[in-house]
Amino acid sequence: QLGRRAGPWVLLDVDDLGAGDPAWDLARPAGFWAAGLIPDDDWTIFVDSYRDAGGPALPAGDPWPVLDPFARAAVVQAAAHQPDDELLHAACARML
């Protein structure tokens, strides 16, 4: 992602270059699962498939300690862009 404020364009999202924490790549699906928008079985298949493919973001065991802060940020961002989405706003309220 690029952006600028009265100056040259600057890179805003280094994750697009393969730098940064790989957990950001899973933030949105993790947040949507935590918000109840993705069924548990689908989430389990997703996490297992990610690990089977050698995904670097998740250690063995419970993925939530790694994904929690990224998932929260993704849900808050999605809710900010969808002001009429009651499910996302309810998910934000539960995170407090």
N, C-alpha and C. Protein backbone atom coordinates (compact mmCIF):
# COMPACT_ATOMS: atom_id res chain seq x y z
N GLN A 1 0.84 -1.17 0.00
CA GLN A 1 0.00 0.00 0.00
C GLN A 1 0.89 1.23 0.00
N LEU A 2 0.48 2.20 -0.77
CA LEU A 2 1.23 3.45 -0.86
C LEU A 2 0.34 4.60 -0.40
N GLY A 3 0.97 5.64 0.08
CA GLY A 3 0.22 6.83 0.48
C GLY A 3 1.13 8.04 0.45
N ARG A 4 0.51 9.22 0.51
CA ARG A 4 1.32 10.44 0.58
C ARG A 4 0.49 11.56 1.18
N ARG A 5 1.20 12.49 1.78
CA ARG A 5 0.60 13.71 2.32
C ARG A 5 1.47 14.86 1.84
N ALA A 6 1.03 15.52 0.78
CA ALA A 6 1.74 16.68 0.24
C ALA A 6 3.23 16.41 0.05
N GLY A 7 3.55 15.27 -0.48
CA GLY A 7 4.94 14.93 -0.70
C GLY A 7 5.04 13.69 -1.57
N PRO A 8 6.19 13.05 -1.58
CA PRO A 8 6.35 11.85 -2.40
C PRO A 8 5.55 10.67 -1.84
N TRP A 9 5.28 9.71 -2.71
CA TRP A 9 4.60 8.49 -2.28
C TRP A 9 5.52 7.73 -1.33
N VAL A 10 4.95 7.12 -0.30
CA VAL A 10 5.71 6.32 0.65
C VAL A 10 5.03 4.97 0.82
N LEU A 11 5.84 3.96 1.11
CA LEU A 11 5.33 2.62 1.35
C LEU A 11 4.74 2.55 2.75
N LEU A 12 3.48 2.14 2.85
CA LEU A 12 2.80 2.06 4.14
C LEU A 12 2.76 0.64 4.70
N ASP A 13 2.83 -0.35 3.85
CA ASP A 13 2.61 -1.73 4.27
C ASP A 13 3.79 -2.59 3.82
N VAL A 14 4.79 -2.72 4.70
CA VAL A 14 5.98 -3.50 4.34
C VAL A 14 5.67 -4.99 4.22
N ASP A 15 4.54 -5.43 4.76
CA ASP A 15 4.18 -6.84 4.64
C ASP A 15 4.03 -7.24 3.18
N ASP A 16 3.64 -6.30 2.32
CA ASP A 16 3.50 -6.60 0.90
C ASP A 16 4.84 -6.96 0.25
N LEU A 17 5.92 -6.61 0.89
CA LEU A 17 7.25 -6.93 0.38
C LEU A 17 7.81 -8.21 1.01
N GLY A 18 7.03 -8.87 1.81
CA GLY A 18 7.49 -10.08 2.47
C GLY A 18 8.24 -9.80 3.75
N ALA A 19 8.22 -8.55 4.21
CA ALA A 19 8.86 -8.19 5.47
C ALA A 19 7.77 -8.03 6.52
N GLY A 20 8.16 -8.02 7.76
CA GLY A 20 7.17 -7.85 8.81
C GLY A 20 6.72 -9.19 9.37
N ASP A 21 5.86 -9.13 10.32
CA ASP A 21 5.38 -10.33 11.00
C ASP A 21 4.38 -11.07 10.12
N PRO A 22 4.62 -12.36 9.83
CA PRO A 22 3.69 -13.10 8.98
C PRO A 22 2.31 -13.30 9.60
N ALA A 23 2.17 -13.05 10.89
CA ALA A 23 0.84 -13.16 11.51
C ALA A 23 -0.14 -12.16 10.92
N TRP A 24 0.36 -11.04 10.37
CA TRP A 24 -0.54 -10.08 9.72
C TRP A 24 -1.28 -10.71 8.55
N ASP A 25 -0.65 -11.70 7.89
CA ASP A 25 -1.31 -12.36 6.77
C ASP A 25 -2.55 -13.13 7.21
N LEU A 26 -2.59 -13.51 8.47
CA LEU A 26 -3.71 -14.29 9.01
C LEU A 26 -4.65 -13.45 9.85
N ALA A 27 -4.37 -12.18 10.00
CA ALA A 27 -5.13 -11.32 10.91
C ALA A 27 -6.60 -11.25 10.57
N ARG A 28 -6.92 -11.00 9.32
CA ARG A 28 -8.32 -10.83 8.95
C ARG A 28 -9.12 -12.12 9.14
N PRO A 29 -8.65 -13.28 8.61
CA PRO A 29 -9.44 -14.49 8.87
C PRO A 29 -9.52 -14.84 10.36
N ALA A 30 -8.45 -14.60 11.10
CA ALA A 30 -8.48 -14.89 12.54
C ALA A 30 -9.49 -13.99 13.24
N GLY A 31 -9.49 -12.73 12.88
CA GLY A 31 -10.44 -11.80 13.48
C GLY A 31 -11.88 -12.13 13.13
N PHE A 32 -12.10 -12.50 11.88
CA PHE A 32 -13.46 -12.85 11.47
C PHE A 32 -13.92 -14.14 12.14
N TRP A 33 -12.98 -15.07 12.37
CA TRP A 33 -13.35 -16.28 13.12
C TRP A 33 -13.71 -15.91 14.56
N ALA A 34 -12.89 -15.06 15.17
CA ALA A 34 -13.15 -14.65 16.55
C ALA A 34 -14.48 -13.89 16.67
N ALA A 35 -14.85 -13.20 15.60
CA ALA A 35 -16.12 -12.45 15.60
C ALA A 35 -17.31 -13.35 15.31
N GLY A 36 -17.06 -14.62 15.03
CA GLY A 36 -18.15 -15.55 14.75
C GLY A 36 -18.60 -15.55 13.31
N LEU A 37 -17.81 -14.96 12.42
CA LEU A 37 -18.18 -14.90 11.02
C LEU A 37 -17.66 -16.08 10.21
N ILE A 38 -16.72 -16.83 10.77
CA ILE A 38 -16.19 -18.04 10.13
C ILE A 38 -16.46 -19.20 11.08
N PRO A 39 -17.12 -20.26 10.60
CA PRO A 39 -17.41 -21.41 11.47
C PRO A 39 -16.14 -22.06 12.01
N ASP A 40 -16.25 -22.64 13.20
CA ASP A 40 -15.10 -23.28 13.85
C ASP A 40 -14.45 -24.34 12.98
N ASP A 41 -15.25 -25.19 12.34
CA ASP A 41 -14.68 -26.25 11.51
C ASP A 41 -13.87 -25.67 10.35
N ASP A 42 -14.37 -24.62 9.74
CA ASP A 42 -13.64 -23.99 8.64
C ASP A 42 -12.34 -23.36 9.14
N TRP A 43 -12.39 -22.75 10.31
CA TRP A 43 -11.19 -22.16 10.90
C TRP A 43 -10.14 -23.23 11.18
N THR A 44 -10.56 -24.35 11.74
CA THR A 44 -9.63 -25.45 12.04
C THR A 44 -8.99 -25.97 10.76
N ILE A 45 -9.78 -26.15 9.72
CA ILE A 45 -9.23 -26.61 8.43
C ILE A 45 -8.23 -25.59 7.89
N PHE A 46 -8.57 -24.32 8.00
CA PHE A 46 -7.67 -23.26 7.53
C PHE A 46 -6.33 -23.30 8.27
N VAL A 47 -6.38 -23.34 9.60
CA VAL A 47 -5.15 -23.35 10.40
C VAL A 47 -4.33 -24.61 10.11
N ASP A 48 -4.99 -25.77 10.07
CA ASP A 48 -4.27 -27.01 9.78
C ASP A 48 -3.63 -26.97 8.39
N SER A 49 -4.35 -26.46 7.41
CA SER A 49 -3.82 -26.38 6.05
C SER A 49 -2.64 -25.41 5.98
N TYR A 50 -2.76 -24.30 6.68
CA TYR A 50 -1.68 -23.31 6.72
C TYR A 50 -0.42 -23.96 7.29
N ARG A 51 -0.57 -24.67 8.38
CA ARG A 51 0.58 -25.32 9.00
C ARG A 51 1.14 -26.42 8.11
N ASP A 52 0.25 -27.22 7.50
CA ASP A 52 0.70 -28.30 6.62
C ASP A 52 1.50 -27.77 5.43
N ALA A 53 1.16 -26.56 4.98
CA ALA A 53 1.86 -25.94 3.85
C ALA A 53 3.16 -25.26 4.28
N GLY A 54 3.47 -25.31 5.57
CA GLY A 54 4.72 -24.72 6.06
C GLY A 54 4.62 -23.25 6.38
N GLY A 55 3.41 -22.76 6.61
CA GLY A 55 3.22 -21.35 6.97
C GLY A 55 4.03 -20.98 8.20
N PRO A 56 4.76 -19.86 8.17
CA PRO A 56 5.69 -19.53 9.23
C PRO A 56 5.10 -18.81 10.45
N ALA A 57 3.85 -18.39 10.39
CA ALA A 57 3.32 -17.52 11.45
C ALA A 57 2.91 -18.26 12.72
N LEU A 58 2.59 -19.54 12.60
CA LEU A 58 1.98 -20.24 13.73
C LEU A 58 2.87 -21.33 14.29
N PRO A 59 3.21 -21.24 15.56
CA PRO A 59 3.92 -22.35 16.20
C PRO A 59 2.93 -23.48 16.47
N ALA A 60 3.45 -24.61 16.88
CA ALA A 60 2.57 -25.72 17.25
C ALA A 60 1.71 -25.33 18.44
N GLY A 61 0.57 -25.95 18.54
CA GLY A 61 -0.32 -25.67 19.66
C GLY A 61 -1.35 -24.62 19.32
N ASP A 62 -1.83 -23.97 20.35
CA ASP A 62 -2.89 -22.97 20.21
C ASP A 62 -2.36 -21.76 19.43
N PRO A 63 -2.97 -21.42 18.29
CA PRO A 63 -2.49 -20.28 17.52
C PRO A 63 -2.92 -18.93 18.09
N TRP A 64 -3.88 -18.94 19.01
CA TRP A 64 -4.48 -17.68 19.43
C TRP A 64 -3.52 -16.72 20.14
N PRO A 65 -2.59 -17.17 20.99
CA PRO A 65 -1.67 -16.21 21.60
C PRO A 65 -0.87 -15.40 20.57
N VAL A 66 -0.56 -16.01 19.44
CA VAL A 66 0.16 -15.30 18.38
C VAL A 66 -0.79 -14.37 17.61
N LEU A 67 -1.98 -14.88 17.29
CA LEU A 67 -2.88 -14.15 16.40
C LEU A 67 -3.74 -13.10 17.08
N ASP A 68 -3.93 -13.20 18.38
CA ASP A 68 -4.88 -12.33 19.08
C ASP A 68 -4.69 -10.83 18.79
N PRO A 69 -3.51 -10.25 18.98
CA PRO A 69 -3.42 -8.79 18.74
C PRO A 69 -3.64 -8.42 17.28
N PHE A 70 -3.21 -9.26 16.37
CA PHE A 70 -3.38 -8.98 14.94
C PHE A 70 -4.86 -9.11 14.55
N ALA A 71 -5.52 -10.13 15.10
CA ALA A 71 -6.94 -10.33 14.81
C ALA A 71 -7.78 -9.18 15.35
N ARG A 72 -7.46 -8.73 16.54
CA ARG A 72 -8.20 -7.59 17.11
C ARG A 72 -8.06 -6.35 16.22
N ALA A 73 -6.84 -6.10 15.78
CA ALA A 73 -6.61 -4.93 14.92
C ALA A 73 -7.38 -5.05 13.61
N ALA A 74 -7.42 -6.25 13.04
CA ALA A 74 -8.13 -6.44 11.78
C ALA A 74 -9.63 -6.23 11.94
N VAL A 75 -10.20 -6.70 13.05
CA VAL A 75 -11.64 -6.52 13.28
C VAL A 75 -11.96 -5.05 13.50
N VAL A 76 -11.14 -4.36 14.27
CA VAL A 76 -11.37 -2.93 14.50
C VAL A 76 -11.28 -2.17 13.17
N GLN A 77 -10.29 -2.50 12.35
CA GLN A 77 -10.16 -1.84 11.05
C GLN A 77 -11.37 -2.13 10.18
N ALA A 78 -11.81 -3.38 10.13
CA ALA A 78 -12.98 -3.72 9.32
C ALA A 78 -14.22 -2.99 9.83
N ALA A 79 -14.38 -2.92 11.13
CA ALA A 79 -15.55 -2.23 11.71
C ALA A 79 -15.52 -0.74 11.39
N ALA A 80 -14.33 -0.16 11.38
CA ALA A 80 -14.22 1.26 11.06
C ALA A 80 -14.64 1.55 9.62
N HIS A 81 -14.42 0.58 8.75
CA HIS A 81 -14.78 0.76 7.34
C HIS A 81 -16.21 0.31 7.05
N GLN A 82 -16.86 -0.33 8.00
CA GLN A 82 -18.23 -0.82 7.83
C GLN A 82 -19.07 -0.32 9.01
N PRO A 83 -19.37 0.96 9.07
CA PRO A 83 -20.03 1.52 10.26
C PRO A 83 -21.42 0.95 10.55
N ASP A 84 -22.04 0.31 9.57
CA ASP A 84 -23.38 -0.25 9.79
C ASP A 84 -23.37 -1.74 10.08
N ASP A 85 -22.19 -2.35 10.17
CA ASP A 85 -22.09 -3.80 10.39
C ASP A 85 -22.17 -4.10 11.88
N GLU A 86 -23.32 -4.54 12.32
CA GLU A 86 -23.55 -4.79 13.74
C GLU A 86 -22.70 -5.93 14.28
N LEU A 87 -22.44 -6.96 13.47
CA LEU A 87 -21.61 -8.08 13.94
C LEU A 87 -20.19 -7.62 14.26
N LEU A 88 -19.62 -6.81 13.39
CA LEU A 88 -18.26 -6.33 13.64
C LEU A 88 -18.21 -5.39 14.84
N HIS A 89 -19.20 -4.55 14.97
CA HIS A 89 -19.22 -3.64 16.12
C HIS A 89 -19.43 -4.41 17.43
N ALA A 90 -20.25 -5.45 17.39
CA ALA A 90 -20.44 -6.29 18.57
C ALA A 90 -19.14 -7.01 18.92
N ALA A 91 -18.42 -7.46 17.90
CA ALA A 91 -17.14 -8.13 18.15
C ALA A 91 -16.16 -7.17 18.81
N CYS A 92 -16.13 -5.93 18.36
CA CYS A 92 -15.25 -4.93 18.97
C CYS A 92 -15.63 -4.70 20.44
N ALA A 93 -16.91 -4.64 20.71
CA ALA A 93 -17.37 -4.43 22.09
C ALA A 93 -16.96 -5.59 22.99
N ARG A 94 -16.99 -6.82 22.46
CA ARG A 94 -16.59 -7.99 23.26
C ARG A 94 -15.09 -7.99 23.54
N MET A 95 -14.32 -7.33 22.71
CA MET A 95 -12.87 -7.32 22.89
C MET A 95 -12.41 -6.38 23.99
N LEU A 96 -13.27 -5.51 24.45
CA LEU A 96 -12.87 -4.54 25.48
C LEU A 96 -12.68 -5.19 26.83
